[in-house]
Protein backbone atom coordinates (compact mmCIF):
# COMPACT_ATOMS: atom_id res chain seq x y z
CA UNK A 1 -28.73 47.71 -106.92
CA UNK A 2 -27.75 46.70 -110.41
CA UNK A 3 -26.57 43.09 -110.78
CA UNK A 4 -25.59 41.02 -113.78
CA UNK A 5 -27.96 38.12 -113.07
CA UNK A 6 -30.65 37.22 -110.57
CA UNK A 7 -31.76 33.60 -110.07
CA UNK A 8 -35.09 32.79 -108.40
CA UNK A 9 -36.73 29.41 -107.89
CA UNK A 10 -39.77 27.90 -106.18
CA UNK A 11 -41.84 31.05 -105.74
CA UNK A 12 -45.02 28.92 -105.77
CA UNK A 13 -47.28 31.83 -106.68
CA UNK A 14 -50.82 30.57 -106.31
CA UNK A 15 -50.06 28.76 -103.05
CA UNK A 16 -51.37 30.38 -99.88
CA UNK A 17 -47.96 29.99 -98.24
CA UNK A 18 -45.95 31.72 -100.95
CA UNK A 19 -44.05 34.66 -99.42
CA UNK A 20 -45.11 37.00 -102.22
CA UNK A 21 -44.98 40.14 -100.08
CA UNK A 22 -41.31 39.59 -99.17
CA UNK A 23 -40.55 38.78 -102.80
CA UNK A 24 -42.26 41.95 -104.03
CA UNK A 25 -40.19 44.09 -101.66
CA UNK A 26 -37.01 42.21 -102.62
CA UNK A 27 -37.57 42.74 -106.35
CA UNK A 28 -38.05 46.45 -105.77
CA UNK A 29 -34.43 46.80 -104.62
CA UNK A 30 -32.58 44.98 -107.42
CA UNK A 31 -32.16 45.65 -111.14
CA UNK A 32 -30.75 42.61 -112.99
CA UNK A 33 -29.49 42.49 -116.57
CA UNK A 34 -30.79 38.90 -116.66
CA UNK A 35 -33.52 37.33 -114.56
CA UNK A 36 -33.65 33.53 -114.42
CA UNK A 37 -36.85 31.96 -113.12
CA UNK A 38 -35.70 28.45 -112.24
CA UNK A 39 -38.98 26.56 -112.07
CA UNK A 40 -42.04 26.28 -109.81
CA UNK A 41 -42.78 29.96 -110.28
CA UNK A 42 -46.54 29.40 -110.63
CA UNK A 43 -47.90 26.55 -108.52
CA UNK A 44 -50.16 24.79 -111.01
CA UNK A 45 -50.72 21.88 -108.62
CA UNK A 46 -52.30 24.15 -106.02
CA UNK A 47 -54.24 26.18 -108.58
CA UNK A 48 -55.80 23.01 -109.98
CA UNK A 49 -57.12 22.00 -106.55
CA UNK A 50 -58.45 25.42 -105.55
CA UNK A 51 -57.76 28.63 -107.42
CA UNK A 52 -56.01 31.15 -105.17
CA UNK A 53 -54.35 34.27 -106.49
CA UNK A 54 -54.03 37.42 -104.40
CA UNK A 55 -53.14 40.96 -105.40
CA UNK A 56 -49.57 40.62 -104.14
CA UNK A 57 -48.93 37.73 -106.53
CA UNK A 58 -50.14 39.94 -109.38
CA UNK A 59 -47.87 42.76 -108.18
CA UNK A 60 -44.89 40.37 -108.26
CA UNK A 61 -45.64 39.41 -111.88
CA UNK A 62 -46.15 43.05 -112.85
CA UNK A 63 -42.85 44.02 -111.21
CA UNK A 64 -41.09 41.36 -113.31
CA UNK A 65 -42.83 42.69 -116.42
CA UNK A 66 -41.61 46.15 -115.42
CA UNK A 67 -38.04 44.78 -115.40
CA UNK A 68 -38.64 43.31 -118.86
CA UNK A 69 -39.80 46.68 -120.19
CA UNK A 70 -36.67 48.33 -118.81
CA UNK A 71 -34.40 45.91 -120.68
CA UNK A 72 -33.95 42.91 -118.35
CA UNK A 73 -33.82 39.62 -120.26
CA UNK A 74 -36.06 37.05 -118.57
CA UNK A 75 -35.50 33.31 -118.88
CA UNK A 76 -38.07 30.86 -117.50
CA UNK A 77 -36.93 27.26 -116.90
CA UNK A 78 -39.98 25.10 -116.22
CA UNK A 79 -40.44 22.97 -113.10
CA UNK A 80 -42.79 20.21 -111.99
CA UNK A 81 -45.33 22.55 -110.35
CA UNK A 82 -45.54 24.65 -113.53
CA UNK A 83 -45.29 21.66 -115.87
CA UNK A 84 -48.35 22.95 -117.76
CA UNK A 85 -45.89 25.28 -119.55
CA UNK A 86 -43.67 22.47 -120.83
CA UNK A 87 -45.64 21.77 -124.02
CA UNK A 88 -44.90 25.38 -125.05
CA UNK A 89 -41.10 25.06 -124.61
CA UNK A 90 -38.85 26.15 -126.19
CA UNK A 91 -40.69 29.34 -126.98
CA UNK A 92 -40.62 33.09 -126.43
CA UNK A 93 -43.83 34.31 -124.80
CA UNK A 94 -44.28 38.05 -124.54
CA UNK A 95 -40.53 38.61 -124.40
CA UNK A 96 -39.98 35.88 -121.77
CA UNK A 97 -37.78 33.04 -123.06
CA UNK A 98 -39.24 29.69 -122.01
CA UNK A 99 -37.35 26.36 -122.00
CA UNK A 100 -36.75 23.33 -119.83
CA UNK A 101 -33.14 24.38 -119.33
CA UNK A 102 -30.68 27.10 -120.29
CA UNK A 103 -26.92 27.53 -120.31
CA UNK A 104 -25.73 30.77 -118.75
CA UNK A 105 -22.25 32.13 -119.37
CA UNK A 106 -20.74 34.02 -116.46
CA UNK A 107 -18.61 37.09 -116.93
CA UNK A 108 -15.47 34.96 -116.43
CA UNK A 109 -16.54 32.49 -119.14
CA UNK A 110 -17.92 29.64 -117.02
CA UNK A 111 -20.89 27.73 -118.42
CA UNK A 112 -23.68 27.20 -115.87
CA UNK A 113 -26.55 24.81 -116.52
CA UNK A 114 -29.87 26.36 -115.45
CA UNK A 115 -32.43 23.66 -114.67
CA UNK A 116 -35.15 23.26 -112.05
CA UNK A 117 -34.08 19.76 -111.06
CA UNK A 118 -37.25 17.66 -110.94
CA UNK A 119 -35.89 15.51 -113.80
CA UNK A 120 -33.46 14.04 -111.26
CA UNK A 121 -36.22 13.15 -108.79
CA UNK A 122 -37.35 9.57 -109.45
CA UNK A 123 -40.55 10.17 -107.46
CA UNK A 124 -41.57 13.00 -109.76
CA UNK A 125 -40.84 10.93 -112.86
CA UNK A 126 -41.98 7.43 -111.89
CA UNK A 127 -44.31 7.74 -108.89
CA UNK A 128 -45.98 11.11 -109.24
CA UNK A 129 -48.83 10.12 -106.90
CA UNK A 130 -46.32 9.70 -104.07
CA UNK A 131 -44.93 13.15 -104.75
CA UNK A 132 -48.41 14.68 -104.78
CA UNK A 133 -49.09 12.98 -101.43
CA UNK A 134 -45.84 14.41 -100.07
CA UNK A 135 -46.86 17.83 -101.38
CA UNK A 136 -50.06 17.64 -99.33
CA UNK A 137 -48.11 16.58 -96.23
CA UNK A 138 -45.77 19.53 -96.79
CA UNK A 139 -48.79 21.84 -97.03
CA UNK A 140 -50.06 20.48 -93.69
CA UNK A 141 -46.64 21.22 -92.15
CA UNK A 142 -46.84 24.77 -93.53
CA UNK A 143 -50.26 25.19 -91.87
CA UNK A 144 -48.63 24.14 -88.59
CA UNK A 145 -45.80 26.61 -89.27
CA UNK A 146 -48.33 29.43 -89.53
CA UNK A 147 -49.94 28.84 -86.15
CA UNK A 148 -46.67 28.08 -84.38
CA UNK A 149 -45.11 31.28 -85.65
CA UNK A 150 -48.13 33.39 -84.70
CA UNK A 151 -47.57 32.20 -81.14
CA UNK A 152 -43.79 32.72 -81.38
CA UNK A 153 -44.24 36.26 -82.73
CA UNK A 154 -46.61 37.14 -79.88
CA UNK A 155 -43.87 36.03 -77.46
CA UNK A 156 -41.19 38.02 -79.28
CA UNK A 157 -39.44 35.06 -80.93
CA UNK A 158 -38.25 35.08 -84.59
CA UNK A 159 -39.68 32.95 -87.41
CA UNK A 160 -38.89 29.23 -87.15
CA UNK A 161 -39.74 26.61 -89.74
CA UNK A 162 -41.08 23.29 -88.50
CA UNK A 163 -41.50 21.94 -92.06
CA UNK A 164 -37.89 22.81 -92.91
CA UNK A 165 -36.74 20.96 -89.79
CA UNK A 166 -38.68 17.88 -90.87
CA UNK A 167 -37.04 17.89 -94.30
CA UNK A 168 -33.47 18.40 -93.12
CA UNK A 169 -33.42 16.23 -90.00
CA UNK A 170 -35.13 13.08 -91.23
CA UNK A 171 -32.48 10.61 -92.43
CA UNK A 172 -34.31 9.67 -95.62
CA UNK A 173 -34.72 13.32 -96.55
CA UNK A 174 -30.99 13.93 -96.01
CA UNK A 175 -30.14 10.93 -98.19
CA UNK A 176 -32.53 12.15 -100.89
CA UNK A 177 -30.94 15.61 -100.92
CA UNK A 178 -27.43 14.14 -101.18
CA UNK A 179 -28.48 11.82 -104.02
CA UNK A 180 -30.24 14.67 -105.82
CA UNK A 181 -27.20 16.93 -105.64
CA UNK A 182 -24.85 14.24 -106.99
CA UNK A 183 -27.25 13.34 -109.83
CA UNK A 184 -27.39 17.02 -110.79
CA UNK A 185 -23.58 17.31 -110.67
CA UNK A 186 -23.09 14.27 -112.92
CA UNK A 187 -25.61 15.56 -115.46
CA UNK A 188 -23.90 18.97 -115.43
CA UNK A 189 -20.60 17.33 -116.38
CA UNK A 190 -22.33 15.53 -119.26
CA UNK A 191 -23.52 18.89 -120.55
CA UNK A 192 -19.91 20.16 -120.44
CA UNK A 193 -20.77 22.85 -117.89
CA UNK A 194 -18.64 24.04 -114.98
CA UNK A 195 -21.59 24.54 -112.68
CA UNK A 196 -25.34 24.29 -112.23
CA UNK A 197 -28.08 26.55 -110.86
CA UNK A 198 -31.18 24.65 -109.75
CA UNK A 199 -34.02 24.59 -107.22
CA UNK A 200 -36.71 21.98 -106.53
CA UNK A 201 -35.59 20.68 -103.11
CA UNK A 202 -35.99 24.02 -101.23
CA UNK A 203 -32.48 23.79 -99.77
CA UNK A 204 -30.40 26.91 -100.62
CA UNK A 205 -26.71 26.13 -101.13
CA UNK A 206 -23.42 27.11 -102.72
CA UNK A 207 -20.86 24.32 -102.72
CA UNK A 208 -18.61 22.18 -104.89
CA UNK A 209 -19.76 18.65 -105.66
CA UNK A 210 -17.46 16.31 -107.58
CA UNK A 211 -15.66 19.27 -109.12
CA UNK A 212 -18.91 20.99 -110.16
CA UNK A 213 -20.00 24.38 -108.80
CA UNK A 214 -23.42 23.63 -107.32
CA UNK A 215 -25.84 26.51 -106.70
CA UNK A 216 -29.35 26.01 -105.35
CA UNK A 217 -31.62 29.06 -105.24
CA UNK A 218 -33.69 27.82 -102.31
CA UNK A 219 -37.34 28.89 -102.24
CA UNK A 220 -39.87 31.60 -101.37
CA UNK A 221 -42.02 29.49 -99.06
CA UNK A 222 -39.69 29.30 -96.06
CA UNK A 223 -36.13 30.47 -96.77
CA UNK A 224 -36.86 33.45 -99.09
CA UNK A 225 -33.48 33.16 -100.84
CA UNK A 226 -32.04 33.96 -104.25
CA UNK A 227 -28.73 33.80 -106.08
CA UNK A 228 -27.11 36.97 -107.38
CA UNK A 229 -24.32 37.24 -109.93
CA UNK A 230 -22.63 40.57 -109.32
CA UNK A 231 -21.06 42.74 -112.00
CA UNK A 232 -17.62 41.38 -111.07
CA UNK A 233 -18.80 37.76 -111.60
CA UNK A 234 -19.08 36.84 -107.91
CA UNK A 235 -22.14 34.69 -107.13
CA UNK A 236 -23.78 35.24 -103.76
CA UNK A 237 -26.67 33.58 -101.92
CA UNK A 238 -28.91 36.28 -100.43
CA UNK A 239 -32.24 36.34 -98.60
CA UNK A 240 -35.19 38.71 -98.50
CA UNK A 241 -33.45 41.05 -96.05
CA UNK A 242 -30.67 41.78 -98.57
CA UNK A 243 -30.50 45.55 -99.19
CA UNK A 244 -33.33 46.03 -96.69
CA UNK A 245 -33.86 49.68 -95.92
CA UNK A 246 -32.63 50.91 -99.28
CA UNK A 247 -35.13 52.86 -101.36
CA UNK A 248 -37.02 50.91 -104.00
CA UNK A 249 -35.97 51.36 -107.61
CA UNK A 250 -38.35 53.72 -109.36
CA UNK A 251 -40.33 51.66 -111.82
CA UNK A 252 -43.55 51.74 -113.75
CA UNK A 253 -45.19 48.52 -112.64
CA UNK A 254 -48.60 50.02 -113.24
CA UNK A 255 -47.82 50.25 -116.96
CA UNK A 256 -47.24 46.50 -117.25
CA UNK A 257 -50.07 44.35 -118.52
CA UNK A 258 -52.26 43.11 -115.69
CA UNK A 259 -52.55 39.40 -115.02
CA UNK A 260 -55.95 38.08 -116.04
CA UNK A 261 -56.93 35.35 -113.59
CA UNK A 262 -59.28 33.41 -115.91
CA UNK A 263 -56.55 33.25 -118.55
CA UNK A 264 -54.10 31.89 -115.97
CA UNK A 265 -56.62 29.31 -114.83
CA UNK A 266 -57.10 28.15 -118.42
CA UNK A 267 -53.36 27.46 -118.71
CA UNK A 268 -53.30 25.10 -115.73
CA UNK A 269 -53.37 21.69 -117.44
CA UNK A 270 -51.55 18.41 -117.08
CA UNK A 271 -48.98 16.81 -119.36
CA UNK A 272 -45.23 16.82 -119.88
CA UNK A 273 -43.69 17.99 -123.12
CA UNK A 274 -40.37 16.71 -124.41
CA UNK A 275 -37.23 17.97 -122.69
CA UNK A 276 -35.99 20.83 -124.86
CA UNK A 277 -32.35 21.28 -125.67
CA UNK A 278 -30.31 23.71 -123.56
CA UNK A 279 -30.22 27.24 -124.90
CA UNK A 280 -27.31 29.61 -124.37
CA UNK A 281 -28.42 32.73 -122.57
């Protein structure tokens, strides 16, 4: 299906729990004019601890490169897990436009701020060690997810996320999410934008907050969600089952440049660059 824009966040390629197979199938059924990668696409934190990159992750990247070759414009907004790219922003790398944020104009003229969202997380900015500790706890919860869902599947039950339950039911987590969303909304107003597309907290959503259209892409670790701007300007939150059963778009992924793992490993470094100015896409 052809769409005007596709927004993806928190793919975490390089993490063992990234749902790369579902993402690969999803990308095979959609043809966007613009593809926005809204941060945490490559999980540099995980790759630094132990390098893990499977064939499916490479296929996902090659499918995106196939879109680029067919005319899709790709915009990559950096996140905290792929912060190693920030020193290179703003820049165009192999046809992919890289920045810390973008401004997208919808077909009806609304300005949407495209930003990952970690800049509004005080833990990421001022107590990074706490966030890294939380990341490890989240990984442990994902390990538990795996074994619980193997048992559930053998009994005929659908997938259920224990780690997602922990994040959404704990009072402090709920307060953090509410604070995050309101910080994002206030910053969006300062940038004179009608709405914002973000990620970071792994909570997919479409809602209005303080007069701002708030869109969160979700993630591809648990929810497997994305935002789609249709040709008529309507923005929809979809998951990996969207368009399931439809034939894949014929593409030439094999013609795209292959991902060289040593080169990727060499890019994984620490350090924040300055926040680049928004760019109109």
